[in-house]
């Protein structure tokens, strides 16, 4: 299966929050796994997608969704689908759900209070 990692230019201040930092780390681990598909590199990749510490989900920093980040999410999903890494796909779904919760909450807040 053919897939592209780069779909957009990296923003100037990347990473600007913890989520973007984790995505960068995941991309590095995926590249290591593709070069050396061993049990060890797969376990490192799987350990990054398992969140046992709820403090890892901090929403500090700049809140944004960039085209570059969407490209990384698509790339990681395709890698997870290609190599049958279901925890990576589930992790991507979780990130997308966090995006949606934030933006739906923001829309309700703007509509309910009248903030523009």
C-alpha atoms as a PDB file:
ATOM      1  CA  UNK A   1       0.000   0.000   0.000  1.00  0.00           C
ATOM      2  CA  UNK A   2       1.312   3.439  -0.912  1.00  0.00           C
ATOM      3  CA  UNK A   3       0.822   6.379   1.421  1.00  0.00           C
ATOM      4  CA  UNK A   4       2.370   9.806   1.817  1.00  0.00           C
ATOM      5  CA  UNK A   5       3.497  11.270   5.099  1.00  0.00           C
ATOM      6  CA  UNK A   6       3.845  14.896   4.023  1.00  0.00           C
ATOM      7  CA  UNK A   7       0.647  16.519   2.829  1.00  0.00           C
ATOM      8  CA  UNK A   8       1.175  20.074   4.061  1.00  0.00           C
ATOM      9  CA  UNK A   9       3.976  22.287   5.309  1.00  0.00           C
ATOM     10  CA  UNK A  10       4.876  22.042   8.977  1.00  0.00           C
ATOM     11  CA  UNK A  11       3.652  25.119  10.906  1.00  0.00           C
ATOM     12  CA  UNK A  12       6.267  27.505  12.288  1.00  0.00           C
ATOM     13  CA  UNK A  13       5.724  26.764  15.973  1.00  0.00           C
ATOM     14  CA  UNK A  14       5.358  23.002  15.829  1.00  0.00           C
ATOM     15  CA  UNK A  15       4.712  21.383  18.313  1.00  0.00           C
ATOM     16  CA  UNK A  16       2.594  23.945  20.130  1.00  0.00           C
ATOM     17  CA  UNK A  17       0.893  21.555  22.565  1.00  0.00           C
ATOM     18  CA  UNK A  18       1.209  18.076  24.050  1.00  0.00           C
ATOM     19  CA  UNK A  19      -0.960  16.404  21.399  1.00  0.00           C
ATOM     20  CA  UNK A  20       1.285  17.649  18.602  1.00  0.00           C
ATOM     21  CA  UNK A  21       4.366  16.471  20.505  1.00  0.00           C
ATOM     22  CA  UNK A  22       2.906  12.988  20.882  1.00  0.00           C
ATOM     23  CA  UNK A  23       2.057  12.884  17.168  1.00  0.00           C
ATOM     24  CA  UNK A  24       5.662  13.806  16.336  1.00  0.00           C
ATOM     25  CA  UNK A  25       6.950  11.047  18.606  1.00  0.00           C
ATOM     26  CA  UNK A  26       4.533   8.548  17.046  1.00  0.00           C
ATOM     27  CA  UNK A  27       5.753   9.468  13.557  1.00  0.00           C
ATOM     28  CA  UNK A  28       9.350   8.910  14.616  1.00  0.00           C
ATOM     29  CA  UNK A  29       8.450   5.499  16.066  1.00  0.00           C
ATOM     30  CA  UNK A  30       6.531   4.540  12.916  1.00  0.00           C
ATOM     31  CA  UNK A  31       9.579   5.417  10.801  1.00  0.00           C
ATOM     32  CA  UNK A  32      11.780   3.261  13.062  1.00  0.00           C
ATOM     33  CA  UNK A  33       9.235   0.436  12.813  1.00  0.00           C
ATOM     34  CA  UNK A  34       9.157   0.658   9.010  1.00  0.00           C
ATOM     35  CA  UNK A  35      12.973   0.504   8.835  1.00  0.00           C
ATOM     36  CA  UNK A  36      13.233  -2.290  11.415  1.00  0.00           C
ATOM     37  CA  UNK A  37       9.928  -4.163  11.809  1.00  0.00           C
ATOM     38  CA  UNK A  38      10.804  -6.089  14.936  1.00  0.00           C
ATOM     39  CA  UNK A  39       9.003  -6.995  18.113  1.00  0.00           C
ATOM     40  CA  UNK A  40      10.911  -4.317  20.047  1.00  0.00           C
ATOM     41  CA  UNK A  41      10.007  -1.408  17.751  1.00  0.00           C
ATOM     42  CA  UNK A  42       6.387  -2.570  17.614  1.00  0.00           C
ATOM     43  CA  UNK A  43       6.188  -2.698  21.413  1.00  0.00           C
ATOM     44  CA  UNK A  44       7.586   0.835  21.693  1.00  0.00           C
ATOM     45  CA  UNK A  45       4.967   2.008  19.212  1.00  0.00           C
ATOM     46  CA  UNK A  46       2.182   0.219  21.091  1.00  0.00           C
ATOM     47  CA  UNK A  47       3.321   1.627  24.429  1.00  0.00           C
ATOM     48  CA  UNK A  48       2.951   5.172  23.075  1.00  0.00           C
ATOM     49  CA  UNK A  49      -0.636   4.541  22.020  1.00  0.00           C
ATOM     50  CA  UNK A  50      -1.745   3.172  25.415  1.00  0.00           C
ATOM     51  CA  UNK A  51      -2.718   5.908  27.837  1.00  0.00           C
ATOM     52  CA  UNK A  52      -2.722   4.571  31.369  1.00  0.00           C
ATOM     53  CA  UNK A  53      -1.997   7.947  32.932  1.00  0.00           C
ATOM     54  CA  UNK A  54      -4.933  10.327  32.540  1.00  0.00           C
ATOM     55  CA  UNK A  55      -2.617  13.257  33.215  1.00  0.00           C
ATOM     56  CA  UNK A  56      -1.179  12.760  29.738  1.00  0.00           C
ATOM     57  CA  UNK A  57      -4.338  14.311  28.301  1.00  0.00           C
ATOM     58  CA  UNK A  58      -3.510  17.872  29.198  1.00  0.00           C
ATOM     59  CA  UNK A  59      -5.022  20.577  27.057  1.00  0.00           C
ATOM     60  CA  UNK A  60      -2.413  23.202  27.822  1.00  0.00           C
ATOM     61  CA  UNK A  61      -0.865  25.160  25.005  1.00  0.00           C
ATOM     62  CA  UNK A  62      -2.222  26.482  21.761  1.00  0.00           C
ATOM     63  CA  UNK A  63      -5.543  24.943  20.739  1.00  0.00           C
ATOM     64  CA  UNK A  64      -5.505  24.423  16.996  1.00  0.00           C
ATOM     65  CA  UNK A  65      -5.976  21.880  14.254  1.00  0.00           C
ATOM     66  CA  UNK A  66      -3.631  22.394  11.329  1.00  0.00           C
ATOM     67  CA  UNK A  67      -3.615  20.861   7.884  1.00  0.00           C
ATOM     68  CA  UNK A  68      -0.249  19.341   8.750  1.00  0.00           C
ATOM     69  CA  UNK A  69      -1.732  17.637  11.804  1.00  0.00           C
ATOM     70  CA  UNK A  70      -4.585  16.214   9.739  1.00  0.00           C
ATOM     71  CA  UNK A  71      -2.008  14.844   7.300  1.00  0.00           C
ATOM     72  CA  UNK A  72      -0.117  13.175  10.146  1.00  0.00           C
ATOM     73  CA  UNK A  73      -3.342  11.655  11.482  1.00  0.00           C
ATOM     74  CA  UNK A  74      -4.154  10.275   8.024  1.00  0.00           C
ATOM     75  CA  UNK A  75      -0.626   8.904   7.679  1.00  0.00           C
ATOM     76  CA  UNK A  76      -0.726   7.219  11.097  1.00  0.00           C
ATOM     77  CA  UNK A  77      -4.152   5.738  10.372  1.00  0.00           C
ATOM     78  CA  UNK A  78      -2.941   4.267   7.081  1.00  0.00           C
ATOM     79  CA  UNK A  79       0.143   2.829   8.794  1.00  0.00           C
ATOM     80  CA  UNK A  80      -2.036   1.309  11.510  1.00  0.00           C
ATOM     81  CA  UNK A  81      -4.328  -0.158   8.876  1.00  0.00           C
ATOM     82  CA  UNK A  82      -1.441  -1.488   6.756  1.00  0.00           C
ATOM     83  CA  UNK A  83       0.451  -3.140   9.614  1.00  0.00           C
ATOM     84  CA  UNK A  84      -2.665  -4.260  11.519  1.00  0.00           C
ATOM     85  CA  UNK A  85      -1.922  -2.080  14.568  1.00  0.00           C
ATOM     86  CA  UNK A  86      -5.424  -1.602  15.931  1.00  0.00           C
ATOM     87  CA  UNK A  87      -4.283   0.333  19.015  1.00  0.00           C
ATOM     88  CA  UNK A  88      -2.778   3.000  16.733  1.00  0.00           C
ATOM     89  CA  UNK A  89      -6.070   3.348  14.855  1.00  0.00           C
ATOM     90  CA  UNK A  90      -7.977   3.514  18.134  1.00  0.00           C
ATOM     91  CA  UNK A  91      -5.597   6.202  19.377  1.00  0.00           C
ATOM     92  CA  UNK A  92      -6.263   8.235  16.217  1.00  0.00           C
ATOM     93  CA  UNK A  93     -10.023   7.851  16.754  1.00  0.00           C
ATOM     94  CA  UNK A  94      -9.543   9.121  20.313  1.00  0.00           C
ATOM     95  CA  UNK A  95      -7.708  12.226  19.080  1.00  0.00           C
ATOM     96  CA  UNK A  96     -10.473  12.929  16.560  1.00  0.00           C
ATOM     97  CA  UNK A  97     -13.102  12.500  19.296  1.00  0.00           C
ATOM     98  CA  UNK A  98     -11.215  15.024  21.467  1.00  0.00           C
ATOM     99  CA  UNK A  99     -11.250  17.503  18.546  1.00  0.00           C
ATOM    100  CA  UNK A 100     -14.968  17.053  18.092  1.00  0.00           C
ATOM    101  CA  UNK A 101     -15.774  17.394  21.790  1.00  0.00           C
ATOM    102  CA  UNK A 102     -13.801  20.612  22.002  1.00  0.00           C
ATOM    103  CA  UNK A 103     -15.317  22.201  18.910  1.00  0.00           C
ATOM    104  CA  UNK A 104     -18.891  21.140  19.730  1.00  0.00           C
ATOM    105  CA  UNK A 105     -18.465  22.558  23.233  1.00  0.00           C
ATOM    106  CA  UNK A 106     -17.054  25.771  21.768  1.00  0.00           C
ATOM    107  CA  UNK A 107     -19.973  26.094  19.337  1.00  0.00           C
ATOM    108  CA  UNK A 108     -22.507  25.573  22.142  1.00  0.00           C
ATOM    109  CA  UNK A 109     -20.705  28.125  24.272  1.00  0.00           C
ATOM    110  CA  UNK A 110     -20.680  30.706  21.487  1.00  0.00           C
ATOM    111  CA  UNK A 111     -24.320  30.117  20.598  1.00  0.00           C
ATOM    112  CA  UNK A 112     -25.607  29.983  24.175  1.00  0.00           C
ATOM    113  CA  UNK A 113     -23.850  33.083  25.488  1.00  0.00           C
ATOM    114  CA  UNK A 114     -23.700  35.044  22.264  1.00  0.00           C
ATOM    115  CA  UNK A 115     -19.907  35.206  21.953  1.00  0.00           C
ATOM    116  CA  UNK A 116     -18.689  35.903  18.434  1.00  0.00           C
END
